[in-house]
Amino acid sequence: MKRKEFVKKIAESSQQSPLVVQKILREFVKILAEALKNGEKITISGLGQFKVKPTKTKLARNPKTGEPVQLPERKKISFRPTDWIRKYINE
């Protein structure tokens, strides 16, 4: 499902205009990204938990040359859904 379809479904079920839903979704993403950038853990009841996990430096290979390449440490976003969502999608 693309963002436009997602906004439309939320607008219909909440009886809000798509513009209002679009603005709320945009702000949600902006606030979520800022909190994750600051290292905060975000828990949304009924949805799940977002957090940032650091990755370690690792050795990889350049696929063209086969030469070893050192990949630096990075941060990755982790999402863990609630038990309810996990059970719901596995029914």
N, C-alpha and C. Protein backbone atom coordinates (compact mmCIF):
# COMPACT_ATOMS: atom_id res chain seq x y z
N MET A 1 0.85 -1.17 0.00
CA MET A 1 0.00 0.00 0.00
C MET A 1 0.90 1.23 0.00
N LYS A 2 0.58 2.16 -0.86
CA LYS A 2 1.36 3.40 -0.94
C LYS A 2 0.77 4.44 0.01
N ARG A 3 1.55 5.49 0.23
CA ARG A 3 1.17 6.54 1.18
C ARG A 3 -0.20 7.14 0.85
N LYS A 4 -0.45 7.40 -0.42
CA LYS A 4 -1.71 8.03 -0.84
C LYS A 4 -2.91 7.15 -0.46
N GLU A 5 -2.80 5.85 -0.71
CA GLU A 5 -3.86 4.90 -0.36
C GLU A 5 -4.04 4.83 1.15
N PHE A 6 -2.92 4.82 1.87
CA PHE A 6 -2.94 4.76 3.33
C PHE A 6 -3.68 5.97 3.89
N VAL A 7 -3.34 7.16 3.39
CA VAL A 7 -3.98 8.40 3.83
C VAL A 7 -5.48 8.36 3.53
N LYS A 8 -5.83 7.88 2.34
CA LYS A 8 -7.23 7.81 1.95
C LYS A 8 -8.03 6.90 2.88
N LYS A 9 -7.47 5.73 3.22
CA LYS A 9 -8.15 4.80 4.12
C LYS A 9 -8.35 5.40 5.51
N ILE A 10 -7.32 6.05 6.02
CA ILE A 10 -7.43 6.67 7.34
C ILE A 10 -8.45 7.80 7.31
N ALA A 11 -8.43 8.61 6.25
CA ALA A 11 -9.38 9.71 6.11
C ALA A 11 -10.82 9.20 6.10
N GLU A 12 -11.06 8.12 5.36
CA GLU A 12 -12.41 7.56 5.29
C GLU A 12 -12.87 6.99 6.63
N SER A 13 -11.99 6.23 7.28
CA SER A 13 -12.40 5.59 8.54
C SER A 13 -12.49 6.58 9.70
N SER A 14 -11.76 7.68 9.64
CA SER A 14 -11.80 8.66 10.73
C SER A 14 -12.68 9.86 10.40
N GLN A 15 -13.25 9.88 9.21
CA GLN A 15 -14.10 10.98 8.74
C GLN A 15 -13.38 12.33 8.82
N GLN A 16 -12.12 12.32 8.42
CA GLN A 16 -11.30 13.53 8.33
C GLN A 16 -10.97 13.77 6.87
N SER A 17 -10.57 14.98 6.56
CA SER A 17 -10.17 15.26 5.18
C SER A 17 -8.79 14.64 4.93
N PRO A 18 -8.54 14.20 3.71
CA PRO A 18 -7.22 13.64 3.39
C PRO A 18 -6.08 14.63 3.67
N LEU A 19 -6.33 15.92 3.52
CA LEU A 19 -5.29 16.92 3.79
C LEU A 19 -4.89 16.94 5.25
N VAL A 20 -5.87 16.81 6.13
CA VAL A 20 -5.59 16.78 7.57
C VAL A 20 -4.79 15.52 7.92
N VAL A 21 -5.22 14.39 7.39
CA VAL A 21 -4.53 13.13 7.64
C VAL A 21 -3.11 13.18 7.10
N GLN A 22 -2.94 13.74 5.90
CA GLN A 22 -1.61 13.87 5.29
C GLN A 22 -0.68 14.69 6.18
N LYS A 23 -1.20 15.80 6.71
CA LYS A 23 -0.39 16.66 7.58
C LYS A 23 -0.01 15.94 8.87
N ILE A 24 -0.95 15.22 9.45
CA ILE A 24 -0.68 14.47 10.68
C ILE A 24 0.37 13.40 10.43
N LEU A 25 0.23 12.67 9.33
CA LEU A 25 1.19 11.62 9.00
C LEU A 25 2.59 12.20 8.77
N ARG A 26 2.65 13.33 8.08
CA ARG A 26 3.94 14.00 7.83
C ARG A 26 4.60 14.40 9.15
N GLU A 27 3.82 14.96 10.06
CA GLU A 27 4.36 15.36 11.36
C GLU A 27 4.79 14.15 12.19
N PHE A 28 4.01 13.07 12.11
CA PHE A 28 4.35 11.84 12.82
C PHE A 28 5.72 11.34 12.38
N VAL A 29 5.93 11.28 11.07
CA VAL A 29 7.20 10.80 10.53
C VAL A 29 8.34 11.72 10.94
N LYS A 30 8.10 13.03 10.88
CA LYS A 30 9.14 14.00 11.24
C LYS A 30 9.53 13.87 12.72
N ILE A 31 8.55 13.76 13.59
CA ILE A 31 8.82 13.64 15.04
C ILE A 31 9.48 12.30 15.35
N LEU A 32 9.02 11.23 14.70
CA LEU A 32 9.61 9.90 14.89
C LEU A 32 11.08 9.91 14.48
N ALA A 33 11.38 10.48 13.31
CA ALA A 33 12.76 10.53 12.82
C ALA A 33 13.65 11.34 13.75
N GLU A 34 13.16 12.46 14.24
CA GLU A 34 13.95 13.31 15.14
C GLU A 34 14.23 12.58 16.46
N ALA A 35 13.22 11.90 17.00
CA ALA A 35 13.41 11.16 18.25
C ALA A 35 14.42 10.04 18.06
N LEU A 36 14.32 9.32 16.95
CA LEU A 36 15.27 8.22 16.68
C LEU A 36 16.68 8.77 16.50
N LYS A 37 16.80 9.90 15.83
CA LYS A 37 18.11 10.52 15.64
C LYS A 37 18.75 10.88 16.97
N ASN A 38 17.91 11.25 17.95
CA ASN A 38 18.40 11.60 19.28
C ASN A 38 18.60 10.38 20.17
N GLY A 39 18.40 9.19 19.62
CA GLY A 39 18.64 7.96 20.37
C GLY A 39 17.50 7.53 21.27
N GLU A 40 16.34 8.14 21.11
CA GLU A 40 15.19 7.79 21.95
C GLU A 40 14.51 6.52 21.43
N LYS A 41 13.87 5.80 22.36
CA LYS A 41 13.08 4.63 22.02
C LYS A 41 11.62 5.09 22.02
N ILE A 42 10.88 4.78 20.96
CA ILE A 42 9.50 5.22 20.84
C ILE A 42 8.59 4.00 20.91
N THR A 43 7.69 3.99 21.87
CA THR A 43 6.74 2.91 22.02
C THR A 43 5.34 3.47 21.78
N ILE A 44 4.63 2.88 20.82
CA ILE A 44 3.27 3.30 20.51
C ILE A 44 2.37 2.12 20.83
N SER A 45 1.55 2.31 21.85
CA SER A 45 0.65 1.25 22.30
C SER A 45 -0.23 0.79 21.15
N GLY A 46 -0.32 -0.53 20.97
CA GLY A 46 -1.13 -1.09 19.91
C GLY A 46 -0.40 -1.22 18.58
N LEU A 47 0.77 -0.60 18.46
CA LEU A 47 1.54 -0.67 17.21
C LEU A 47 2.86 -1.38 17.42
N GLY A 48 3.70 -0.83 18.29
CA GLY A 48 4.99 -1.46 18.53
C GLY A 48 6.02 -0.48 19.02
N GLN A 49 7.28 -0.89 18.91
CA GLN A 49 8.39 -0.09 19.43
C GLN A 49 9.44 0.14 18.34
N PHE A 50 9.83 1.40 18.21
CA PHE A 50 10.90 1.79 17.30
C PHE A 50 12.12 2.13 18.13
N LYS A 51 13.29 1.69 17.68
CA LYS A 51 14.52 2.10 18.35
C LYS A 51 15.68 2.01 17.37
N VAL A 52 16.77 2.65 17.74
CA VAL A 52 17.97 2.65 16.91
C VAL A 52 18.96 1.68 17.52
N LYS A 53 19.52 0.81 16.66
CA LYS A 53 20.54 -0.14 17.11
C LYS A 53 21.83 0.16 16.35
N PRO A 54 22.94 0.21 17.06
CA PRO A 54 24.21 0.42 16.35
C PRO A 54 24.68 -0.89 15.70
N THR A 55 25.32 -0.79 14.56
CA THR A 55 25.92 -1.97 13.94
C THR A 55 27.43 -1.87 14.13
N LYS A 56 28.09 -2.98 14.16
CA LYS A 56 29.54 -2.99 14.33
C LYS A 56 30.22 -2.83 12.99
N THR A 57 31.47 -2.42 13.05
CA THR A 57 32.30 -2.38 11.85
C THR A 57 32.44 -3.81 11.33
N LYS A 58 32.34 -3.98 10.01
CA LYS A 58 32.49 -5.33 9.49
C LYS A 58 33.25 -5.32 8.16
N LEU A 59 33.77 -6.46 7.84
CA LEU A 59 34.53 -6.63 6.62
C LEU A 59 33.61 -7.20 5.54
N ALA A 60 33.61 -6.56 4.36
CA ALA A 60 32.80 -7.02 3.23
C ALA A 60 33.70 -7.11 2.00
N ARG A 61 33.12 -7.47 0.89
CA ARG A 61 33.90 -7.56 -0.35
C ARG A 61 33.25 -6.71 -1.44
N ASN A 62 34.10 -6.05 -2.22
CA ASN A 62 33.64 -5.33 -3.39
C ASN A 62 33.26 -6.39 -4.43
N PRO A 63 32.00 -6.43 -4.88
CA PRO A 63 31.59 -7.48 -5.80
C PRO A 63 32.30 -7.44 -7.16
N LYS A 64 32.73 -6.27 -7.59
CA LYS A 64 33.41 -6.17 -8.89
C LYS A 64 34.85 -6.66 -8.83
N THR A 65 35.57 -6.25 -7.79
CA THR A 65 37.00 -6.56 -7.73
C THR A 65 37.32 -7.71 -6.78
N GLY A 66 36.39 -8.03 -5.87
CA GLY A 66 36.66 -9.07 -4.89
C GLY A 66 37.55 -8.57 -3.76
N GLU A 67 37.87 -7.30 -3.79
CA GLU A 67 38.75 -6.68 -2.80
C GLU A 67 38.00 -6.49 -1.47
N PRO A 68 38.65 -6.77 -0.33
CA PRO A 68 38.00 -6.56 0.97
C PRO A 68 37.79 -5.06 1.23
N VAL A 69 36.63 -4.75 1.81
CA VAL A 69 36.27 -3.37 2.13
C VAL A 69 35.80 -3.31 3.57
N GLN A 70 36.25 -2.33 4.32
CA GLN A 70 35.84 -2.15 5.71
C GLN A 70 34.57 -1.29 5.74
N LEU A 71 33.48 -1.82 6.26
CA LEU A 71 32.25 -1.06 6.40
C LEU A 71 32.23 -0.42 7.78
N PRO A 72 31.98 0.89 7.87
CA PRO A 72 32.01 1.57 9.16
C PRO A 72 30.80 1.24 10.03
N GLU A 73 30.89 1.61 11.31
CA GLU A 73 29.74 1.47 12.21
C GLU A 73 28.61 2.35 11.69
N ARG A 74 27.39 1.88 11.87
CA ARG A 74 26.22 2.63 11.44
C ARG A 74 25.11 2.46 12.46
N LYS A 75 24.06 3.21 12.26
CA LYS A 75 22.86 3.04 13.08
C LYS A 75 21.77 2.50 12.18
N LYS A 76 21.01 1.53 12.70
CA LYS A 76 19.89 1.01 11.93
C LYS A 76 18.63 1.10 12.78
N ILE A 77 17.50 1.25 12.11
CA ILE A 77 16.23 1.37 12.80
C ILE A 77 15.63 -0.02 12.98
N SER A 78 15.18 -0.27 14.18
CA SER A 78 14.56 -1.55 14.50
C SER A 78 13.11 -1.29 14.90
N PHE A 79 12.20 -2.12 14.41
CA PHE A 79 10.79 -2.02 14.79
C PHE A 79 10.34 -3.37 15.30
N ARG A 80 9.73 -3.36 16.47
CA ARG A 80 9.18 -4.60 17.03
C ARG A 80 7.68 -4.41 17.22
N PRO A 81 6.87 -5.14 16.47
CA PRO A 81 5.41 -4.99 16.60
C PRO A 81 4.90 -5.57 17.91
N THR A 82 3.70 -5.14 18.29
CA THR A 82 3.07 -5.67 19.50
C THR A 82 2.67 -7.12 19.27
N ASP A 83 2.44 -7.84 20.35
CA ASP A 83 2.01 -9.23 20.25
C ASP A 83 0.71 -9.35 19.46
N TRP A 84 -0.20 -8.39 19.68
CA TRP A 84 -1.49 -8.41 18.98
C TRP A 84 -1.29 -8.38 17.47
N ILE A 85 -0.43 -7.50 16.96
CA ILE A 85 -0.19 -7.41 15.52
C ILE A 85 0.45 -8.69 15.01
N ARG A 86 1.41 -9.23 15.74
CA ARG A 86 2.05 -10.48 15.30
C ARG A 86 1.04 -11.61 15.22
N LYS A 87 0.16 -11.71 16.22
CA LYS A 87 -0.86 -12.76 16.20
C LYS A 87 -1.86 -12.54 15.08
N TYR A 88 -2.25 -11.28 14.87
CA TYR A 88 -3.24 -10.94 13.84
C TYR A 88 -2.77 -11.31 12.45
N ILE A 89 -1.52 -11.00 12.11
CA ILE A 89 -1.05 -11.30 10.76
C ILE A 89 -0.76 -12.79 10.56
N ASN A 90 -0.65 -13.53 11.65
CA ASN A 90 -0.37 -14.96 11.55
C ASN A 90 -1.62 -15.83 11.68
N GLU A 91 -2.79 -15.22 11.71
CA GLU A 91 -4.03 -16.00 11.81
C GLU A 91 -4.35 -16.71 10.52
